N, C-alpha and C. Protein backbone atom coordinates (compact mmCIF):
# COMPACT_ATOMS: atom_id res chain seq x y z
N MET A 1 136.78 155.92 -59.85
CA MET A 1 135.95 156.40 -58.64
C MET A 1 134.62 156.91 -59.52
N THR A 2 133.87 156.63 -58.73
CA THR A 2 132.06 157.19 -59.89
C THR A 2 131.46 158.36 -58.39
N THR A 3 131.30 159.36 -58.67
CA THR A 3 130.58 160.28 -58.15
C THR A 3 128.89 160.41 -58.65
N THR A 4 128.49 160.41 -58.12
CA THR A 4 126.88 160.65 -58.25
C THR A 4 126.34 162.00 -57.93
N ALA A 5 125.30 163.06 -58.41
CA ALA A 5 124.82 164.13 -57.25
C ALA A 5 123.51 163.63 -57.40
N VAL A 6 122.44 163.44 -56.43
CA VAL A 6 121.35 163.15 -56.28
C VAL A 6 120.39 164.17 -55.81
N ARG A 7 119.43 165.09 -56.33
CA ARG A 7 118.87 165.82 -55.80
C ARG A 7 117.88 165.81 -55.21
N GLN A 8 117.14 164.56 -55.44
CA GLN A 8 115.66 163.88 -54.38
C GLN A 8 116.67 162.98 -53.47
N GLN A 9 115.64 163.03 -52.25
CA GLN A 9 116.27 162.32 -50.47
C GLN A 9 115.46 160.89 -50.95
N PRO A 10 116.13 160.26 -49.94
CA PRO A 10 115.26 158.77 -50.35
C PRO A 10 114.07 159.19 -49.21
N ALA A 11 112.69 158.24 -49.38
CA ALA A 11 111.72 158.76 -47.97
C ALA A 11 112.09 158.20 -47.21
N PRO A 12 111.48 158.98 -45.64
CA PRO A 12 112.56 157.97 -44.49
C PRO A 12 111.63 156.76 -44.60
N GLY A 13 113.00 155.49 -44.11
CA GLY A 13 112.90 154.14 -44.02
C GLY A 13 113.37 153.39 -45.35
N ALA A 14 113.63 154.49 -46.16
CA ALA A 14 113.60 153.59 -47.12
C ALA A 14 115.36 153.43 -47.47
N THR A 15 115.82 151.95 -48.02
CA THR A 15 116.97 152.11 -48.02
C THR A 15 117.80 152.79 -49.56
N GLY A 16 117.25 153.20 -50.16
CA GLY A 16 118.56 153.66 -51.01
C GLY A 16 118.70 152.70 -52.62
N ARG A 17 118.31 151.94 -52.36
CA ARG A 17 117.95 150.93 -53.62
C ARG A 17 117.30 150.77 -54.13
N ARG A 18 117.61 150.70 -55.78
CA ARG A 18 115.94 150.25 -56.80
C ARG A 18 114.76 149.90 -56.56
N ARG A 19 114.46 149.39 -56.94
CA ARG A 19 113.38 148.12 -56.78
C ARG A 19 113.47 147.14 -58.20
N PRO A 20 113.15 146.32 -57.84
CA PRO A 20 113.47 145.85 -59.08
C PRO A 20 111.96 146.50 -60.14
N GLY A 21 112.91 145.97 -61.73
CA GLY A 21 112.20 147.04 -62.10
C GLY A 21 112.29 146.67 -63.64
N PRO A 22 112.58 147.70 -64.81
CA PRO A 22 113.58 147.72 -65.99
C PRO A 22 114.85 147.91 -65.65
N PRO A 23 116.10 148.23 -66.07
CA PRO A 23 117.38 148.67 -65.76
C PRO A 23 117.48 150.96 -65.89
N ALA A 24 117.91 150.69 -64.92
CA ALA A 24 118.35 152.54 -65.50
C ALA A 24 119.28 152.73 -65.83
N ILE A 25 119.40 152.89 -67.24
CA ILE A 25 119.56 153.65 -68.38
C ILE A 25 119.85 155.49 -68.42
N GLY A 26 121.15 155.80 -68.16
CA GLY A 26 121.60 156.75 -68.95
C GLY A 26 122.32 157.55 -69.62
N VAL A 27 122.67 158.98 -70.05
CA VAL A 27 123.43 159.00 -71.23
C VAL A 27 124.27 159.74 -71.20
N PHE A 28 125.28 159.92 -71.73
CA PHE A 28 126.51 160.75 -71.90
C PHE A 28 125.93 162.31 -72.53
N LEU A 29 126.09 163.30 -71.80
CA LEU A 29 126.60 164.51 -72.27
C LEU A 29 127.28 165.19 -73.62
N PRO A 30 126.72 165.55 -74.55
CA PRO A 30 127.84 166.07 -75.40
C PRO A 30 128.53 167.12 -74.67
N THR A 31 129.32 166.92 -74.37
CA THR A 31 130.86 167.98 -74.15
C THR A 31 131.95 168.28 -75.08
N PRO A 32 131.98 167.36 -75.70
CA PRO A 32 133.58 167.59 -76.73
C PRO A 32 133.22 168.34 -78.25
N GLY A 33 133.69 169.08 -78.60
CA GLY A 33 133.56 170.35 -79.90
C GLY A 33 134.89 171.48 -79.96
N PRO A 34 134.80 172.68 -81.11
CA PRO A 34 135.81 173.21 -81.22
C PRO A 34 135.78 174.56 -80.18
N GLU A 35 134.40 174.90 -79.70
CA GLU A 35 133.92 175.88 -79.33
C GLU A 35 133.00 175.46 -78.26
N PRO A 36 133.31 175.19 -77.51
CA PRO A 36 133.59 174.71 -75.08
C PRO A 36 132.18 176.18 -75.34
N GLY A 37 132.34 177.42 -75.43
CA GLY A 37 131.99 178.51 -75.23
C GLY A 37 130.13 177.97 -75.83
N GLY A 38 129.76 177.72 -76.46
CA GLY A 38 128.98 177.37 -77.25
C GLY A 38 128.45 176.49 -77.09
N ARG A 39 128.52 175.14 -76.40
CA ARG A 39 128.11 173.75 -76.07
C ARG A 39 127.19 174.25 -75.01
N ALA A 40 126.91 175.14 -73.93
CA ALA A 40 126.13 175.08 -73.37
C ALA A 40 124.49 175.00 -73.86
N ALA A 41 123.90 175.69 -75.26
CA ALA A 41 122.89 175.16 -75.39
C ALA A 41 122.67 173.70 -75.38
N GLU A 42 123.59 172.90 -76.53
CA GLU A 42 123.14 171.63 -76.63
C GLU A 42 123.51 171.29 -75.65
N ILE A 43 124.40 171.50 -74.20
CA ILE A 43 124.28 170.50 -73.43
C ILE A 43 122.39 170.76 -72.43
N LYS A 44 122.42 171.62 -72.73
CA LYS A 44 120.95 171.59 -71.81
C LYS A 44 119.53 171.00 -72.40
N ALA A 45 119.77 171.12 -73.83
CA ALA A 45 119.07 170.83 -74.61
C ALA A 45 118.83 168.76 -74.36
N ALA A 46 120.25 168.92 -74.75
CA ALA A 46 120.13 167.16 -74.60
C ALA A 46 119.87 167.16 -73.14
N ALA A 47 120.75 166.75 -71.90
CA ALA A 47 119.78 167.02 -70.41
C ALA A 47 117.69 167.31 -70.70
N ARG A 48 117.51 167.96 -71.13
CA ARG A 48 116.16 168.07 -71.25
C ARG A 48 115.65 166.82 -71.71
N ARG A 49 116.02 166.85 -73.07
CA ARG A 49 115.68 165.84 -74.31
C ARG A 49 115.58 164.59 -73.68
N ALA A 50 116.97 164.14 -72.93
CA ALA A 50 117.19 162.05 -71.82
C ALA A 50 115.90 162.23 -70.64
N GLU A 51 115.31 163.74 -70.22
CA GLU A 51 114.40 163.65 -69.25
C GLU A 51 113.37 163.39 -69.48
N GLN A 52 112.70 163.91 -70.44
CA GLN A 52 111.60 163.68 -71.64
C GLN A 52 111.26 162.19 -72.07
N LEU A 53 112.50 161.87 -72.38
CA LEU A 53 112.47 160.35 -72.90
C LEU A 53 112.52 159.16 -71.73
N GLY A 54 112.71 159.60 -70.39
CA GLY A 54 113.02 159.09 -69.06
C GLY A 54 113.74 158.37 -68.75
N PHE A 55 115.04 158.47 -69.31
CA PHE A 55 116.49 158.20 -69.27
C PHE A 55 116.61 158.52 -67.19
N GLU A 56 117.11 157.60 -66.91
CA GLU A 56 117.57 157.71 -65.22
C GLU A 56 118.69 158.32 -65.20
N SER A 57 119.49 158.90 -65.96
CA SER A 57 120.95 159.79 -65.08
C SER A 57 121.50 160.50 -66.88
N VAL A 58 122.26 161.42 -66.83
CA VAL A 58 123.41 161.88 -67.60
C VAL A 58 124.28 161.90 -66.77
N TRP A 59 125.68 161.85 -67.89
CA TRP A 59 126.75 161.44 -67.43
C TRP A 59 127.80 162.53 -68.27
N THR A 60 129.04 162.76 -67.51
CA THR A 60 130.20 163.59 -68.12
C THR A 60 131.24 163.00 -67.35
N GLY A 61 132.28 163.24 -68.42
CA GLY A 61 133.97 162.77 -68.33
C GLY A 61 134.79 162.87 -67.91
N ASP A 62 135.37 162.68 -67.69
CA ASP A 62 136.90 164.04 -67.28
C ASP A 62 137.58 163.66 -68.23
N HIS A 63 138.58 164.77 -68.59
CA HIS A 63 139.38 164.50 -70.82
C HIS A 63 140.25 165.24 -69.36
N LEU A 64 141.48 164.33 -69.73
CA LEU A 64 143.22 164.91 -69.81
C LEU A 64 143.82 165.36 -71.05
N ILE A 65 143.76 165.22 -71.43
CA ILE A 65 144.22 165.66 -73.37
C ILE A 65 144.02 165.14 -73.99
N GLY A 66 143.80 165.77 -75.22
CA GLY A 66 143.53 165.78 -76.33
C GLY A 66 143.00 166.63 -77.12
N ARG A 67 142.90 167.09 -78.53
CA ARG A 67 143.52 167.89 -79.78
C ARG A 67 142.16 168.30 -80.42
N THR A 68 140.65 168.14 -78.75
CA THR A 68 139.71 168.67 -79.14
C THR A 68 139.22 169.22 -77.90
N GLN A 69 138.71 170.81 -77.88
CA GLN A 69 138.40 171.36 -76.68
C GLN A 69 137.15 170.94 -76.27
N VAL A 70 137.23 170.61 -74.91
CA VAL A 70 135.84 169.79 -74.18
C VAL A 70 135.52 170.85 -72.94
N VAL A 71 134.14 171.02 -73.28
CA VAL A 71 133.69 171.65 -71.77
C VAL A 71 134.19 170.76 -70.61
N ASP A 72 133.97 172.43 -69.59
CA ASP A 72 134.50 171.09 -68.04
C ASP A 72 133.41 169.95 -67.22
N GLY A 73 133.59 169.18 -67.20
CA GLY A 73 133.06 168.09 -66.64
C GLY A 73 131.71 169.15 -65.27
N GLY A 74 131.96 169.66 -64.57
CA GLY A 74 131.30 170.34 -64.08
C GLY A 74 130.03 171.66 -63.97
N LEU A 75 131.17 172.28 -65.60
CA LEU A 75 129.90 172.96 -65.58
C LEU A 75 128.93 172.09 -66.52
N ALA A 76 129.09 171.26 -67.23
CA ALA A 76 128.25 170.45 -68.05
C ALA A 76 126.86 170.06 -67.30
N LEU A 77 127.71 169.46 -65.96
CA LEU A 77 126.26 168.97 -65.13
C LEU A 77 126.02 169.72 -63.77
N ALA A 78 126.21 170.77 -63.95
CA ALA A 78 125.74 172.37 -63.55
C ALA A 78 124.46 172.67 -64.65
N THR A 79 124.67 172.44 -65.29
CA THR A 79 124.08 173.04 -66.61
C THR A 79 122.65 172.14 -66.52
N ALA A 80 123.40 170.85 -66.70
CA ALA A 80 122.16 169.93 -66.89
C ALA A 80 121.39 170.09 -65.70
N ALA A 81 121.73 169.95 -64.37
CA ALA A 81 120.90 170.47 -63.41
C ALA A 81 119.98 171.61 -63.11
N ALA A 82 120.51 172.53 -63.72
CA ALA A 82 119.39 173.68 -64.44
C ALA A 82 118.55 173.64 -64.97
N VAL A 83 118.17 172.95 -66.01
CA VAL A 83 117.43 172.87 -66.22
C VAL A 83 116.60 171.69 -66.60
N THR A 84 117.02 170.83 -65.71
CA THR A 84 115.66 169.54 -65.43
C THR A 84 115.39 169.24 -64.10
N ASP A 85 114.56 168.86 -63.34
CA ASP A 85 114.06 168.07 -62.30
C ASP A 85 113.68 166.95 -62.02
N THR A 86 114.06 165.98 -62.33
CA THR A 86 113.82 164.74 -61.93
C THR A 86 115.54 163.41 -62.14
N ILE A 87 116.21 163.89 -63.21
CA ILE A 87 117.15 163.10 -63.84
C ILE A 87 118.20 163.78 -62.76
N ARG A 88 119.27 162.24 -62.42
CA ARG A 88 120.37 162.48 -61.98
C ARG A 88 121.77 162.76 -63.02
N ILE A 89 122.49 163.50 -61.98
CA ILE A 89 123.81 163.55 -62.80
C ILE A 89 124.43 162.60 -61.81
N GLY A 90 125.70 163.02 -63.13
CA GLY A 90 127.57 162.07 -62.58
C GLY A 90 128.58 162.70 -63.48
N PHE A 91 129.77 161.67 -62.71
CA PHE A 91 130.64 162.05 -63.45
C PHE A 91 131.10 160.73 -63.92
N GLY A 92 131.55 160.36 -64.90
CA GLY A 92 131.49 159.16 -65.54
C GLY A 92 132.83 158.46 -64.79
N VAL A 93 134.21 159.26 -65.34
CA VAL A 93 135.33 159.51 -64.76
C VAL A 93 135.53 161.40 -64.50
N LEU A 94 136.30 160.73 -62.84
CA LEU A 94 136.34 162.28 -62.46
C LEU A 94 138.56 161.96 -61.99
N HIS A 95 139.14 162.30 -62.29
CA HIS A 95 140.88 162.30 -62.21
C HIS A 95 141.17 163.07 -61.33
N LEU A 96 139.56 162.81 -59.85
CA LEU A 96 140.69 163.42 -58.81
C LEU A 96 142.14 163.40 -57.81
N PRO A 97 143.11 162.57 -57.89
CA PRO A 97 144.47 162.68 -57.53
C PRO A 97 145.01 163.79 -58.55
N LEU A 98 144.71 164.61 -60.23
CA LEU A 98 144.90 165.51 -60.70
C LEU A 98 144.48 166.67 -60.44
N LEU A 99 143.18 167.02 -59.10
CA LEU A 99 143.03 168.00 -59.01
C LEU A 99 143.53 168.88 -57.86
N PRO A 100 143.12 170.39 -57.72
CA PRO A 100 144.50 170.69 -55.99
C PRO A 100 142.90 170.38 -55.12
N VAL A 101 143.44 169.86 -53.92
CA VAL A 101 142.63 169.45 -52.96
C VAL A 101 140.57 170.71 -53.09
N ALA A 102 141.01 172.07 -53.30
CA ALA A 102 139.88 172.82 -52.71
C ALA A 102 138.96 173.15 -54.32
N GLN A 103 139.57 172.35 -55.88
CA GLN A 103 138.90 171.94 -56.69
C GLN A 103 137.95 170.64 -57.35
N ALA A 104 138.70 169.53 -56.38
CA ALA A 104 138.24 168.37 -56.40
C ALA A 104 137.26 168.73 -55.15
N ALA A 105 137.11 169.69 -53.70
CA ALA A 105 136.20 169.52 -52.75
C ALA A 105 134.96 170.35 -53.61
N ARG A 106 135.32 171.34 -54.67
CA ARG A 106 134.04 171.45 -55.04
C ARG A 106 133.88 170.62 -56.26
N GLY A 107 133.83 169.40 -56.23
CA GLY A 107 133.37 168.81 -58.36
C GLY A 107 134.28 168.93 -58.60
N GLY A 108 135.19 169.74 -58.91
CA GLY A 108 135.71 169.57 -60.62
C GLY A 108 136.28 170.89 -60.90
N HIS A 109 135.33 171.90 -60.79
CA HIS A 109 134.70 172.83 -61.67
C HIS A 109 136.27 173.87 -60.84
N PRO A 110 137.04 174.16 -61.61
CA PRO A 110 138.29 175.33 -61.56
C PRO A 110 137.86 176.57 -61.35
N SER A 111 136.49 176.98 -61.44
CA SER A 111 136.31 178.66 -61.10
C SER A 111 136.17 178.75 -59.96
N SER A 112 135.56 178.04 -59.23
CA SER A 112 135.13 178.07 -58.25
C SER A 112 135.82 177.71 -56.67
N CYS A 113 137.16 178.01 -56.65
CA CYS A 113 137.72 177.60 -55.87
C CYS A 113 139.07 178.72 -55.65
């Protein structure tokens, strides 16, 4: 299941579908790393740069296991949203069945429960 948060509402009467033209291309944010607390600056820079280059969206994924620590996807997307104006944000993968209901309702971020 893919969830995309959009900050801009379509104009009245708009269908919400994209107009014909070049494909919408997005990029994944840099979330893996040995020190998750130090990744905020990299996430901010990547989101700003993606917006400057004209990308349509930035994405992150949900991680279940691994040897590398990973920044929480909700935090990464919130960080990107805080420093950009027009780019869309979204989860490439969010494992909703594995999250507590309150956490899933808040977009997967555990500290907001």
